[in-house]
């Protein structure tokens, strides 16, 4: 008799516990489906960092291009990300390939002018570009502020230019002389002489195209 009573008690207890267990399993399954769907949504959505490329807010189609881009530091103030945070003259000062240009900009007193300008494009000659000029001639220009200013401002266009704009372009510069551009598919030339060796570099206030030859305005 006692054995039968115990069996009935166990059966009743099991019957009482079963709905609770099923309910718990149901809740777990719901949470699991939510977790799975959340994981799938997370996996399908691109990470914010992956959806951006190059520097700052540049999209994948706005990445810097050209053979000289490989020599740009990967990290720090002189990297693409670092340059994107600074105005153009400051950004150039952090790029080791542009030291002569920075010296020239300082001698001409153009640091504040370039840093405070908005939405400009700068064609920036590398140190090797300046090295093509005979030293005596370069020294003379560096010590002639008026001539130096005219040459440097000839490298600046008063609006931002995309690579597509360079395909067959003619633009007014801050020196009041026009320059021309041509090319396509990441290969561009300025004034039929200077090649863009690292283009579409973003700074806080300018787009920069690094070139291998110093541009000379028409007198």
C-alpha atoms as a PDB file:
ATOM      1  CA  UNK A   1       0.000   0.000   0.000  1.00  0.00           C
ATOM      2  CA  UNK A   2       2.740   2.438   0.961  1.00  0.00           C
ATOM      3  CA  UNK A   3       4.599   1.559  -2.228  1.00  0.00           C
ATOM      4  CA  UNK A   4       1.495   2.362  -4.297  1.00  0.00           C
ATOM      5  CA  UNK A   5       1.064   5.711  -2.500  1.00  0.00           C
ATOM      6  CA  UNK A   6       4.713   6.604  -3.229  1.00  0.00           C
ATOM      7  CA  UNK A   7       4.239   5.803  -6.964  1.00  0.00           C
ATOM      8  CA  UNK A   8       1.132   8.000  -7.121  1.00  0.00           C
ATOM      9  CA  UNK A   9       3.025  10.856  -5.401  1.00  0.00           C
ATOM     10  CA  UNK A  10       5.926  10.566  -7.841  1.00  0.00           C
ATOM     11  CA  UNK A  11       3.525  10.552 -10.800  1.00  0.00           C
ATOM     12  CA  UNK A  12       1.725  13.655  -9.516  1.00  0.00           C
ATOM     13  CA  UNK A  13       5.038  15.453  -8.893  1.00  0.00           C
ATOM     14  CA  UNK A  14       6.262  14.589 -12.375  1.00  0.00           C
ATOM     15  CA  UNK A  15       3.018  15.833 -13.886  1.00  0.00           C
ATOM     16  CA  UNK A  16       3.416  19.110 -12.017  1.00  0.00           C
ATOM     17  CA  UNK A  17       7.060  19.580 -13.022  1.00  0.00           C
ATOM     18  CA  UNK A  18       6.632  18.659 -16.705  1.00  0.00           C
ATOM     19  CA  UNK A  19       4.753  21.831 -17.800  1.00  0.00           C
ATOM     20  CA  UNK A  20       7.351  23.937 -16.032  1.00  0.00           C
ATOM     21  CA  UNK A  21      10.170  22.105 -17.799  1.00  0.00           C
ATOM     22  CA  UNK A  22       8.463  22.448 -21.182  1.00  0.00           C
ATOM     23  CA  UNK A  23       7.895  26.140 -20.528  1.00  0.00           C
ATOM     24  CA  UNK A  24      11.554  26.627 -19.663  1.00  0.00           C
ATOM     25  CA  UNK A  25      12.625  24.793 -22.798  1.00  0.00           C
ATOM     26  CA  UNK A  26      10.255  26.924 -24.851  1.00  0.00           C
ATOM     27  CA  UNK A  27      11.723  30.113 -23.348  1.00  0.00           C
ATOM     28  CA  UNK A  28      15.262  28.880 -24.013  1.00  0.00           C
ATOM     29  CA  UNK A  29      14.365  28.094 -27.623  1.00  0.00           C
ATOM     30  CA  UNK A  30      12.919  31.579 -28.041  1.00  0.00           C
ATOM     31  CA  UNK A  31      16.060  33.162 -26.634  1.00  0.00           C
ATOM     32  CA  UNK A  32      18.173  30.897 -28.827  1.00  0.00           C
ATOM     33  CA  UNK A  33      16.282  31.913 -31.959  1.00  0.00           C
ATOM     34  CA  UNK A  34      16.693  35.548 -31.001  1.00  0.00           C
ATOM     35  CA  UNK A  35      20.385  35.002 -30.405  1.00  0.00           C
ATOM     36  CA  UNK A  36      20.740  33.157 -33.692  1.00  0.00           C
ATOM     37  CA  UNK A  37      18.896  35.835 -35.616  1.00  0.00           C
ATOM     38  CA  UNK A  38      20.966  38.501 -33.878  1.00  0.00           C
ATOM     39  CA  UNK A  39      24.150  36.648 -34.771  1.00  0.00           C
ATOM     40  CA  UNK A  40      23.029  36.303 -38.376  1.00  0.00           C
ATOM     41  CA  UNK A  41      22.173  39.997 -38.548  1.00  0.00           C
ATOM     42  CA  UNK A  42      25.520  40.870 -37.012  1.00  0.00           C
ATOM     43  CA  UNK A  43      27.360  38.613 -39.443  1.00  0.00           C
ATOM     44  CA  UNK A  44      25.522  39.959 -42.461  1.00  0.00           C
ATOM     45  CA  UNK A  45      26.006  43.615 -41.539  1.00  0.00           C
ATOM     46  CA  UNK A  46      29.481  44.948 -42.376  1.00  0.00           C
ATOM     47  CA  UNK A  47      31.520  46.269 -39.503  1.00  0.00           C
ATOM     48  CA  UNK A  48      31.724  50.038 -39.554  1.00  0.00           C
ATOM     49  CA  UNK A  49      35.485  49.884 -39.955  1.00  0.00           C
ATOM     50  CA  UNK A  50      35.260  47.440 -42.857  1.00  0.00           C
ATOM     51  CA  UNK A  51      32.829  49.615 -44.787  1.00  0.00           C
ATOM     52  CA  UNK A  52      35.352  52.444 -44.860  1.00  0.00           C
ATOM     53  CA  UNK A  53      38.705  52.391 -46.582  1.00  0.00           C
ATOM     54  CA  UNK A  54      41.778  54.564 -46.999  1.00  0.00           C
ATOM     55  CA  UNK A  55      41.591  57.495 -44.639  1.00  0.00           C
ATOM     56  CA  UNK A  56      38.892  59.022 -42.490  1.00  0.00           C
ATOM     57  CA  UNK A  57      35.518  58.864 -44.168  1.00  0.00           C
ATOM     58  CA  UNK A  58      36.764  57.707 -47.563  1.00  0.00           C
ATOM     59  CA  UNK A  59      34.743  54.910 -49.132  1.00  0.00           C
ATOM     60  CA  UNK A  60      36.243  51.955 -50.977  1.00  0.00           C
ATOM     61  CA  UNK A  61      36.059  53.870 -54.261  1.00  0.00           C
ATOM     62  CA  UNK A  62      38.009  56.754 -52.746  1.00  0.00           C
ATOM     63  CA  UNK A  63      41.100  54.866 -51.666  1.00  0.00           C
ATOM     64  CA  UNK A  64      44.518  56.369 -52.381  1.00  0.00           C
ATOM     65  CA  UNK A  65      46.168  54.903 -55.470  1.00  0.00           C
ATOM     66  CA  UNK A  66      49.556  54.882 -57.172  1.00  0.00           C
ATOM     67  CA  UNK A  67      52.959  53.232 -56.727  1.00  0.00           C
ATOM     68  CA  UNK A  68      54.258  55.740 -54.159  1.00  0.00           C
ATOM     69  CA  UNK A  69      51.357  55.036 -51.805  1.00  0.00           C
ATOM     70  CA  UNK A  70      53.183  51.904 -50.652  1.00  0.00           C
ATOM     71  CA  UNK A  71      55.846  54.052 -48.981  1.00  0.00           C
ATOM     72  CA  UNK A  72      53.340  55.982 -46.864  1.00  0.00           C
ATOM     73  CA  UNK A  73      53.593  54.955 -43.187  1.00  0.00           C
ATOM     74  CA  UNK A  74      50.947  52.462 -42.095  1.00  0.00           C
ATOM     75  CA  UNK A  75      50.351  54.121 -38.739  1.00  0.00           C
ATOM     76  CA  UNK A  76      50.806  57.449 -37.038  1.00  0.00           C
ATOM     77  CA  UNK A  77      50.387  61.058 -38.129  1.00  0.00           C
ATOM     78  CA  UNK A  78      52.006  60.427 -41.524  1.00  0.00           C
ATOM     79  CA  UNK A  79      49.696  57.536 -42.424  1.00  0.00           C
ATOM     80  CA  UNK A  80      46.602  57.989 -44.576  1.00  0.00           C
ATOM     81  CA  UNK A  81      44.388  57.876 -41.483  1.00  0.00           C
ATOM     82  CA  UNK A  82      46.648  60.320 -39.676  1.00  0.00           C
ATOM     83  CA  UNK A  83      46.793  62.780 -42.582  1.00  0.00           C
ATOM     84  CA  UNK A  84      43.001  62.735 -42.857  1.00  0.00           C
ATOM     85  CA  UNK A  85      42.765  64.261 -39.388  1.00  0.00           C
ATOM     86  CA  UNK A  86      45.024  67.261 -40.068  1.00  0.00           C
ATOM     87  CA  UNK A  87      44.760  70.272 -42.396  1.00  0.00           C
ATOM     88  CA  UNK A  88      46.880  69.925 -45.506  1.00  0.00           C
ATOM     89  CA  UNK A  89      50.087  71.777 -44.566  1.00  0.00           C
ATOM     90  CA  UNK A  90      50.244  70.002 -41.218  1.00  0.00           C
ATOM     91  CA  UNK A  91      49.452  66.664 -42.852  1.00  0.00           C
ATOM     92  CA  UNK A  92      52.223  67.163 -45.420  1.00  0.00           C
ATOM     93  CA  UNK A  93      54.713  67.908 -42.651  1.00  0.00           C
ATOM     94  CA  UNK A  94      54.102  64.408 -41.295  1.00  0.00           C
ATOM     95  CA  UNK A  95      54.811  62.732 -44.644  1.00  0.00           C
ATOM     96  CA  UNK A  96      58.552  62.008 -45.006  1.00  0.00           C
ATOM     97  CA  UNK A  97      58.392  62.218 -48.825  1.00  0.00           C
ATOM     98  CA  UNK A  98      57.217  65.847 -48.756  1.00  0.00           C
ATOM     99  CA  UNK A  99      59.860  67.509 -46.578  1.00  0.00           C
ATOM    100  CA  UNK A 100      61.172  69.884 -49.290  1.00  0.00           C
ATOM    101  CA  UNK A 101      57.634  70.980 -50.123  1.00  0.00           C
ATOM    102  CA  UNK A 102      56.967  71.685 -46.454  1.00  0.00           C
ATOM    103  CA  UNK A 103      60.174  73.734 -46.223  1.00  0.00           C
ATOM    104  CA  UNK A 104      59.106  75.733 -49.278  1.00  0.00           C
ATOM    105  CA  UNK A 105      55.604  76.312 -47.871  1.00  0.00           C
ATOM    106  CA  UNK A 106      57.099  77.621 -44.617  1.00  0.00           C
ATOM    107  CA  UNK A 107      59.525  79.931 -46.460  1.00  0.00           C
ATOM    108  CA  UNK A 108      56.642  81.339 -48.509  1.00  0.00           C
ATOM    109  CA  UNK A 109      54.554  81.890 -45.380  1.00  0.00           C
ATOM    110  CA  UNK A 110      51.720  79.759 -46.743  1.00  0.00           C
ATOM    111  CA  UNK A 111      51.185  77.354 -43.841  1.00  0.00           C
ATOM    112  CA  UNK A 112      48.187  79.195 -42.384  1.00  0.00           C
ATOM    113  CA  UNK A 113      46.790  79.977 -45.838  1.00  0.00           C
ATOM    114  CA  UNK A 114      46.740  76.315 -46.816  1.00  0.00           C
ATOM    115  CA  UNK A 115      45.597  75.045 -43.433  1.00  0.00           C
ATOM    116  CA  UNK A 116      42.690  77.481 -43.271  1.00  0.00           C
ATOM    117  CA  UNK A 117      41.502  77.016 -46.867  1.00  0.00           C
ATOM    118  CA  UNK A 118      38.430  74.849 -47.407  1.00  0.00           C
ATOM    119  CA  UNK A 119      37.782  72.180 -50.036  1.00  0.00           C
ATOM    120  CA  UNK A 120      40.964  72.558 -52.081  1.00  0.00           C
ATOM    121  CA  UNK A 121      43.137  70.199 -54.106  1.00  0.00           C
ATOM    122  CA  UNK A 122      46.904  70.220 -53.743  1.00  0.00           C
ATOM    123  CA  UNK A 123      49.305  68.695 -56.252  1.00  0.00           C
ATOM    124  CA  UNK A 124      52.226  67.954 -53.952  1.00  0.00           C
ATOM    125  CA  UNK A 125      55.705  67.415 -55.449  1.00  0.00           C
ATOM    126  CA  UNK A 126      57.856  64.820 -53.716  1.00  0.00           C
ATOM    127  CA  UNK A 127      61.411  65.426 -52.525  1.00  0.00           C
ATOM    128  CA  UNK A 128      62.579  63.595 -55.657  1.00  0.00           C
ATOM    129  CA  UNK A 129      60.570  66.041 -57.765  1.00  0.00           C
ATOM    130  CA  UNK A 130      62.397  68.997 -56.229  1.00  0.00           C
ATOM    131  CA  UNK A 131      65.698  67.129 -56.658  1.00  0.00           C
ATOM    132  CA  UNK A 132      65.208  67.311 -60.439  1.00  0.00           C
ATOM    133  CA  UNK A 133      65.760  71.070 -60.216  1.00  0.00           C
ATOM    134  CA  UNK A 134      69.448  72.072 -60.213  1.00  0.00           C
ATOM    135  CA  UNK A 135      70.440  72.924 -56.646  1.00  0.00           C
ATOM    136  CA  UNK A 136      71.540  76.459 -57.477  1.00  0.00           C
ATOM    137  CA  UNK A 137      68.194  77.180 -59.136  1.00  0.00           C
ATOM    138  CA  UNK A 138      66.231  75.609 -56.303  1.00  0.00           C
ATOM    139  CA  UNK A 139      68.145  77.590 -53.683  1.00  0.00           C
ATOM    140  CA  UNK A 140      67.462  80.771 -55.624  1.00  0.00           C
ATOM    141  CA  UNK A 141      63.736  80.068 -55.763  1.00  0.00           C
ATOM    142  CA  UNK A 142      63.582  79.137 -52.084  1.00  0.00           C
ATOM    143  CA  UNK A 143      65.045  82.536 -51.233  1.00  0.00           C
ATOM    144  CA  UNK A 144      62.728  84.488 -53.543  1.00  0.00           C
ATOM    145  CA  UNK A 145      59.438  84.655 -51.670  1.00  0.00           C
ATOM    146  CA  UNK A 146      57.410  86.156 -54.520  1.00  0.00           C
ATOM    147  CA  UNK A 147      58.538  83.557 -57.061  1.00  0.00           C
ATOM    148  CA  UNK A 148      58.225  80.741 -54.548  1.00  0.00           C
ATOM    149  CA  UNK A 149      54.684  81.799 -53.645  1.00  0.00           C
ATOM    150  CA  UNK A 150      53.684  81.884 -57.303  1.00  0.00           C
ATOM    151  CA  UNK A 151      55.067  78.389 -57.907  1.00  0.00           C
ATOM    152  CA  UNK A 152      53.496  76.881 -54.801  1.00  0.00           C
ATOM    153  CA  UNK A 153      50.057  78.409 -55.326  1.00  0.00           C
ATOM    154  CA  UNK A 154      50.171  77.090 -58.890  1.00  0.00           C
ATOM    155  CA  UNK A 155      49.955  73.636 -57.299  1.00  0.00           C
ATOM    156  CA  UNK A 156      46.645  74.462 -55.584  1.00  0.00           C
ATOM    157  CA  UNK A 157      43.161  74.318 -57.135  1.00  0.00           C
ATOM    158  CA  UNK A 158      40.339  76.021 -55.264  1.00  0.00           C
ATOM    159  CA  UNK A 159      38.023  72.998 -55.205  1.00  0.00           C
ATOM    160  CA  UNK A 160      38.234  69.293 -54.517  1.00  0.00           C
ATOM    161  CA  UNK A 161      38.985  67.119 -57.538  1.00  0.00           C
ATOM    162  CA  UNK A 162      38.103  63.451 -57.848  1.00  0.00           C
ATOM    163  CA  UNK A 163      40.161  61.066 -60.001  1.00  0.00           C
ATOM    164  CA  UNK A 164      37.364  61.233 -62.574  1.00  0.00           C
ATOM    165  CA  UNK A 165      37.832  65.003 -62.758  1.00  0.00           C
ATOM    166  CA  UNK A 166      41.462  64.443 -63.750  1.00  0.00           C
ATOM    167  CA  UNK A 167      40.659  62.371 -66.827  1.00  0.00           C
ATOM    168  CA  UNK A 168      40.477  65.391 -69.104  1.00  0.00           C
ATOM    169  CA  UNK A 169      40.573  68.509 -66.970  1.00  0.00           C
ATOM    170  CA  UNK A 170      41.609  72.142 -66.998  1.00  0.00           C
ATOM    171  CA  UNK A 171      41.540  74.033 -63.710  1.00  0.00           C
ATOM    172  CA  UNK A 172      42.236  77.494 -62.370  1.00  0.00           C
ATOM    173  CA  UNK A 173      44.884  77.562 -59.649  1.00  0.00           C
ATOM    174  CA  UNK A 174      45.430  79.992 -56.793  1.00  0.00           C
ATOM    175  CA  UNK A 175      48.268  81.465 -58.866  1.00  0.00           C
ATOM    176  CA  UNK A 176      45.669  82.598 -61.454  1.00  0.00           C
ATOM    177  CA  UNK A 177      47.174  80.253 -64.046  1.00  0.00           C
ATOM    178  CA  UNK A 178      45.524  77.114 -65.364  1.00  0.00           C
ATOM    179  CA  UNK A 179      46.851  73.585 -65.215  1.00  0.00           C
ATOM    180  CA  UNK A 180      45.643  70.591 -67.203  1.00  0.00           C
ATOM    181  CA  UNK A 181      45.228  66.943 -66.311  1.00  0.00           C
ATOM    182  CA  UNK A 182      44.711  63.775 -68.299  1.00  0.00           C
ATOM    183  CA  UNK A 183      44.615  60.008 -67.886  1.00  0.00           C
ATOM    184  CA  UNK A 184      42.377  57.262 -66.555  1.00  0.00           C
ATOM    185  CA  UNK A 185      42.228  54.153 -64.364  1.00  0.00           C
ATOM    186  CA  UNK A 186      44.655  55.389 -61.727  1.00  0.00           C
ATOM    187  CA  UNK A 187      47.227  56.737 -64.195  1.00  0.00           C
ATOM    188  CA  UNK A 188      47.149  60.530 -64.441  1.00  0.00           C
ATOM    189  CA  UNK A 189      49.445  63.282 -65.697  1.00  0.00           C
ATOM    190  CA  UNK A 190      49.463  66.980 -64.882  1.00  0.00           C
ATOM    191  CA  UNK A 191      50.526  69.451 -67.595  1.00  0.00           C
ATOM    192  CA  UNK A 192      51.719  66.516 -69.706  1.00  0.00           C
ATOM    193  CA  UNK A 193      54.830  66.309 -67.517  1.00  0.00           C
ATOM    194  CA  UNK A 194      54.139  65.420 -63.886  1.00  0.00           C
ATOM    195  CA  UNK A 195      52.824  61.965 -63.062  1.00  0.00           C
ATOM    196  CA  UNK A 196      50.539  61.332 -60.099  1.00  0.00           C
ATOM    197  CA  UNK A 197      52.444  58.778 -58.012  1.00  0.00           C
ATOM    198  CA  UNK A 198      50.027  58.651 -55.080  1.00  0.00           C
ATOM    199  CA  UNK A 199      46.611  60.145 -55.623  1.00  0.00           C
ATOM    200  CA  UNK A 200      43.379  60.776 -53.776  1.00  0.00           C
ATOM    201  CA  UNK A 201      45.033  61.293 -50.397  1.00  0.00           C
ATOM    202  CA  UNK A 202      42.586  62.864 -47.961  1.00  0.00           C
ATOM    203  CA  UNK A 203      43.388  65.574 -45.430  1.00  0.00           C
ATOM    204  CA  UNK A 204      40.981  67.474 -43.194  1.00  0.00           C
ATOM    205  CA  UNK A 205      40.505  70.275 -45.738  1.00  0.00           C
ATOM    206  CA  UNK A 206      42.020  69.084 -49.015  1.00  0.00           C
ATOM    207  CA  UNK A 207      42.476  66.251 -51.469  1.00  0.00           C
ATOM    208  CA  UNK A 208      46.123  65.653 -52.308  1.00  0.00           C
ATOM    209  CA  UNK A 209      47.708  64.207 -55.434  1.00  0.00           C
ATOM    210  CA  UNK A 210      51.408  63.552 -54.923  1.00  0.00           C
ATOM    211  CA  UNK A 211      53.375  64.165 -58.145  1.00  0.00           C
ATOM    212  CA  UNK A 212      56.894  63.390 -59.372  1.00  0.00           C
ATOM    213  CA  UNK A 213      57.693  66.773 -60.996  1.00  0.00           C
ATOM    214  CA  UNK A 214      57.405  70.376 -59.828  1.00  0.00           C
ATOM    215  CA  UNK A 215      54.865  72.337 -61.860  1.00  0.00           C
ATOM    216  CA  UNK A 216      55.990  75.663 -63.309  1.00  0.00           C
ATOM    217  CA  UNK A 217      53.357  78.335 -64.032  1.00  0.00           C
ATOM    218  CA  UNK A 218      53.436  80.067 -67.385  1.00  0.00           C
ATOM    219  CA  UNK A 219      55.034  83.469 -67.076  1.00  0.00           C
END
